[in-house]
Amino acid sequence: MLIEILAGSKPAAALVDSIVSGEAEAYATRLGLTEALHVTCRLWG
């Protein structure tokens, strides 16, 4: 889901709004963040 958030997809927008408003909390592991960085660099340079 982190990749979807970084890509700005519409389904992820509702989740981002929930996180920003405090209705939901977001957690990520170091491995998940590393993978998201790797994928975004591979896709968008």
PDB file of N, CA and C in Angstrom:
ATOM      1  N   MET A   1       0.814  -1.186   0.000  1.00  0.00           N
ATOM      2  CA  MET A   1       0.000   0.000   0.000  1.00  0.00           C
ATOM      3  C   MET A   1       0.865   1.261   0.000  1.00  0.00           C
ATOM      4  N   LEU A   2       2.048   1.170   0.540  1.00  0.00           N
ATOM      5  CA  LEU A   2       2.935   2.327   0.579  1.00  0.00           C
ATOM      6  C   LEU A   2       3.268   2.808  -0.828  1.00  0.00           C
ATOM      7  N   ILE A   3       3.461   1.883  -1.743  1.00  0.00           N
ATOM      8  CA  ILE A   3       3.759   2.254  -3.128  1.00  0.00           C
ATOM      9  C   ILE A   3       2.567   2.990  -3.731  1.00  0.00           C
ATOM     10  N   GLU A   4       1.365   2.524  -3.435  1.00  0.00           N
ATOM     11  CA  GLU A   4       0.153   3.177  -3.940  1.00  0.00           C
ATOM     12  C   GLU A   4       0.037   4.596  -3.396  1.00  0.00           C
ATOM     13  N   ILE A   5       0.380   4.776  -2.137  1.00  0.00           N
ATOM     14  CA  ILE A   5       0.343   6.107  -1.533  1.00  0.00           C
ATOM     15  C   ILE A   5       1.360   7.014  -2.222  1.00  0.00           C
ATOM     16  N   LEU A   6       2.574   6.512  -2.424  1.00  0.00           N
ATOM     17  CA  LEU A   6       3.603   7.306  -3.084  1.00  0.00           C
ATOM     18  C   LEU A   6       3.236   7.633  -4.525  1.00  0.00           C
ATOM     19  N   ALA A   7       2.515   6.721  -5.178  1.00  0.00           N
ATOM     20  CA  ALA A   7       2.113   6.935  -6.561  1.00  0.00           C
ATOM     21  C   ALA A   7       0.917   7.879  -6.668  1.00  0.00           C
ATOM     22  N   GLY A   8       0.243   8.122  -5.546  1.00  0.00           N
ATOM     23  CA  GLY A   8      -0.899   9.035  -5.550  1.00  0.00           C
ATOM     24  C   GLY A   8      -2.165   8.444  -6.118  1.00  0.00           C
ATOM     25  N   SER A   9      -2.342   7.136  -5.967  1.00  0.00           N
ATOM     26  CA  SER A   9      -3.535   6.505  -6.519  1.00  0.00           C
ATOM     27  C   SER A   9      -4.784   6.910  -5.740  1.00  0.00           C
ATOM     28  N   LYS A  10      -5.919   6.902  -6.416  1.00  0.00           N
ATOM     29  CA  LYS A  10      -7.173   7.311  -5.782  1.00  0.00           C
ATOM     30  C   LYS A  10      -7.588   6.399  -4.633  1.00  0.00           C
ATOM     31  N   PRO A  11      -7.459   5.068  -4.758  1.00  0.00           N
ATOM     32  CA  PRO A  11      -7.837   4.220  -3.614  1.00  0.00           C
ATOM     33  C   PRO A  11      -7.017   4.510  -2.361  1.00  0.00           C
ATOM     34  N   ALA A  12      -5.777   4.898  -2.534  1.00  0.00           N
ATOM     35  CA  ALA A  12      -4.924   5.186  -1.382  1.00  0.00           C
ATOM     36  C   ALA A  12      -5.238   6.542  -0.766  1.00  0.00           C
ATOM     37  N   ALA A  13      -5.886   7.419  -1.511  1.00  0.00           N
ATOM     38  CA  ALA A  13      -6.187   8.764  -1.008  1.00  0.00           C
ATOM     39  C   ALA A  13      -7.078   8.707   0.225  1.00  0.00           C
ATOM     40  N   ALA A  14      -8.041   7.797   0.252  1.00  0.00           N
ATOM     41  CA  ALA A  14      -8.922   7.670   1.416  1.00  0.00           C
ATOM     42  C   ALA A  14      -8.123   7.252   2.642  1.00  0.00           C
ATOM     43  N   LEU A  15      -7.183   6.362   2.457  1.00  0.00           N
ATOM     44  CA  LEU A  15      -6.335   5.928   3.567  1.00  0.00           C
ATOM     45  C   LEU A  15      -5.475   7.076   4.071  1.00  0.00           C
ATOM     46  N   VAL A  16      -4.901   7.839   3.160  1.00  0.00           N
ATOM     47  CA  VAL A  16      -4.075   8.986   3.544  1.00  0.00           C
ATOM     48  C   VAL A  16      -4.911   9.991   4.332  1.00  0.00           C
ATOM     49  N   ASP A  17      -6.135  10.243   3.882  1.00  0.00           N
ATOM     50  CA  ASP A  17      -7.025  11.170   4.593  1.00  0.00           C
ATOM     51  C   ASP A  17      -7.312  10.670   6.004  1.00  0.00           C
ATOM     52  N   SER A  18      -7.517   9.364   6.157  1.00  0.00           N
ATOM     53  CA  SER A  18      -7.770   8.790   7.480  1.00  0.00           C
ATOM     54  C   SER A  18      -6.556   8.934   8.388  1.00  0.00           C
ATOM     55  N   ILE A  19      -5.389   8.754   7.832  1.00  0.00           N
ATOM     56  CA  ILE A  19      -4.163   8.889   8.615  1.00  0.00           C
ATOM     57  C   ILE A  19      -3.959  10.345   9.036  1.00  0.00           C
ATOM     58  N   VAL A  20      -4.151  11.255   8.108  1.00  0.00           N
ATOM     59  CA  VAL A  20      -3.947  12.679   8.396  1.00  0.00           C
ATOM     60  C   VAL A  20      -4.947  13.172   9.436  1.00  0.00           C
ATOM     61  N   SER A  21      -6.188  12.703   9.352  1.00  0.00           N
ATOM     62  CA  SER A  21      -7.215  13.160  10.291  1.00  0.00           C
ATOM     63  C   SER A  21      -7.093  12.501  11.666  1.00  0.00           C
ATOM     64  N   GLY A  22      -6.261  11.481  11.770  1.00  0.00           N
ATOM     65  CA  GLY A  22      -6.073  10.804  13.044  1.00  0.00           C
ATOM     66  C   GLY A  22      -7.002   9.632  13.276  1.00  0.00           C
ATOM     67  N   GLU A  23      -7.824   9.295  12.287  1.00  0.00           N
ATOM     68  CA  GLU A  23      -8.731   8.147  12.394  1.00  0.00           C
ATOM     69  C   GLU A  23      -7.979   6.816  12.318  1.00  0.00           C
ATOM     70  N   ALA A  24      -6.835   6.828  11.663  1.00  0.00           N
ATOM     71  CA  ALA A  24      -6.038   5.608  11.502  1.00  0.00           C
ATOM     72  C   ALA A  24      -4.580   5.937  11.788  1.00  0.00           C
ATOM     73  N   GLU A  25      -3.835   4.922  12.160  1.00  0.00           N
ATOM     74  CA  GLU A  25      -2.399   5.083  12.383  1.00  0.00           C
ATOM     75  C   GLU A  25      -1.646   4.271  11.341  1.00  0.00           C
ATOM     76  N   ALA A  26      -0.504   4.771  10.945  1.00  0.00           N
ATOM     77  CA  ALA A  26       0.299   4.092   9.935  1.00  0.00           C
ATOM     78  C   ALA A  26       1.592   3.582  10.567  1.00  0.00           C
ATOM     79  N   TYR A  27       1.932   2.368  10.237  1.00  0.00           N
ATOM     80  CA  TYR A  27       3.174   1.756  10.687  1.00  0.00           C
ATOM     81  C   TYR A  27       3.872   1.142   9.490  1.00  0.00           C
ATOM     82  N   ALA A  28       5.183   1.189   9.490  1.00  0.00           N
ATOM     83  CA  ALA A  28       5.957   0.564   8.422  1.00  0.00           C
ATOM     84  C   ALA A  28       7.257   0.030   9.008  1.00  0.00           C
ATOM     85  N   THR A  29       7.688  -1.086   8.482  1.00  0.00           N
ATOM     86  CA  THR A  29       8.965  -1.650   8.904  1.00  0.00           C
ATOM     87  C   THR A  29      10.088  -1.033   8.074  1.00  0.00           C
ATOM     88  N   ARG A  30      11.290  -1.174   8.552  1.00  0.00           N
ATOM     89  CA  ARG A  30      12.445  -0.688   7.780  1.00  0.00           C
ATOM     90  C   ARG A  30      12.529  -1.407   6.438  1.00  0.00           C
ATOM     91  N   LEU A  31      12.229  -2.694   6.462  1.00  0.00           N
ATOM     92  CA  LEU A  31      12.264  -3.463   5.218  1.00  0.00           C
ATOM     93  C   LEU A  31      11.215  -2.943   4.239  1.00  0.00           C
ATOM     94  N   GLY A  32      10.024  -2.642   4.726  1.00  0.00           N
ATOM     95  CA  GLY A  32       8.966  -2.109   3.867  1.00  0.00           C
ATOM     96  C   GLY A  32       9.337  -0.769   3.268  1.00  0.00           C
ATOM     97  N   LEU A  33       9.938   0.097   4.078  1.00  0.00           N
ATOM     98  CA  LEU A  33      10.378   1.399   3.576  1.00  0.00           C
ATOM     99  C   LEU A  33      11.487   1.252   2.542  1.00  0.00           C
ATOM    100  N   THR A  34      12.408   0.323   2.792  1.00  0.00           N
ATOM    101  CA  THR A  34      13.497   0.070   1.846  1.00  0.00           C
ATOM    102  C   THR A  34      12.952  -0.449   0.527  1.00  0.00           C
ATOM    103  N   GLU A  35      12.001  -1.363   0.596  1.00  0.00           N
ATOM    104  CA  GLU A  35      11.404  -1.905  -0.620  1.00  0.00           C
ATOM    105  C   GLU A  35      10.658  -0.817  -1.389  1.00  0.00           C
ATOM    106  N   ALA A  36       9.932   0.039  -0.679  1.00  0.00           N
ATOM    107  CA  ALA A  36       9.212   1.132  -1.335  1.00  0.00           C
ATOM    108  C   ALA A  36      10.190   2.069  -2.034  1.00  0.00           C
ATOM    109  N   LEU A  37      11.297   2.382  -1.388  1.00  0.00           N
ATOM    110  CA  LEU A  37      12.317   3.227  -1.999  1.00  0.00           C
ATOM    111  C   LEU A  37      12.888   2.565  -3.251  1.00  0.00           C
ATOM    112  N   HIS A  38      13.177   1.275  -3.156  1.00  0.00           N
ATOM    113  CA  HIS A  38      13.729   0.531  -4.286  1.00  0.00           C
ATOM    114  C   HIS A  38      12.764   0.536  -5.461  1.00  0.00           C
ATOM    115  N   VAL A  39      11.497   0.264  -5.201  1.00  0.00           N
ATOM    116  CA  VAL A  39      10.505   0.202  -6.278  1.00  0.00           C
ATOM    117  C   VAL A  39      10.285   1.567  -6.906  1.00  0.00           C
ATOM    118  N   THR A  40      10.175   2.605  -6.082  1.00  0.00           N
ATOM    119  CA  THR A  40       9.962   3.940  -6.642  1.00  0.00           C
ATOM    120  C   THR A  40      11.175   4.398  -7.453  1.00  0.00           C
ATOM    121  N   CYS A  41      12.357   4.090  -6.992  1.00  0.00           N
ATOM    122  CA  CYS A  41      13.558   4.451  -7.780  1.00  0.00           C
ATOM    123  C   CYS A  41      13.591   3.683  -9.090  1.00  0.00           C
ATOM    124  N   ARG A  42      13.181   2.440  -9.065  1.00  0.00           N
ATOM    125  CA  ARG A  42      13.162   1.639 -10.285  1.00  0.00           C
ATOM    126  C   ARG A  42      12.106   2.152 -11.255  1.00  0.00           C
ATOM    127  N   LEU A  43      10.947   2.577 -10.747  1.00  0.00           N
ATOM    128  CA  LEU A  43       9.868   3.033 -11.619  1.00  0.00           C
ATOM    129  C   LEU A  43      10.081   4.449 -12.131  1.00  0.00           C
ATOM    130  N   TRP A  44      10.522   5.342 -11.247  1.00  0.00           N
ATOM    131  CA  TRP A  44      10.582   6.764 -11.604  1.00  0.00           C
ATOM    132  C   TRP A  44      12.003   7.312 -11.666  1.00  0.00           C
ATOM    133  N   GLY A  45      12.972   6.461 -11.525  1.00  0.00           N
ATOM    134  CA  GLY A  45      14.368   6.901 -11.648  1.00  0.00           C
ATOM    135  C   GLY A  45      14.811   7.591 -10.432  1.00  0.00           C
TER     136      GLY A  45
END
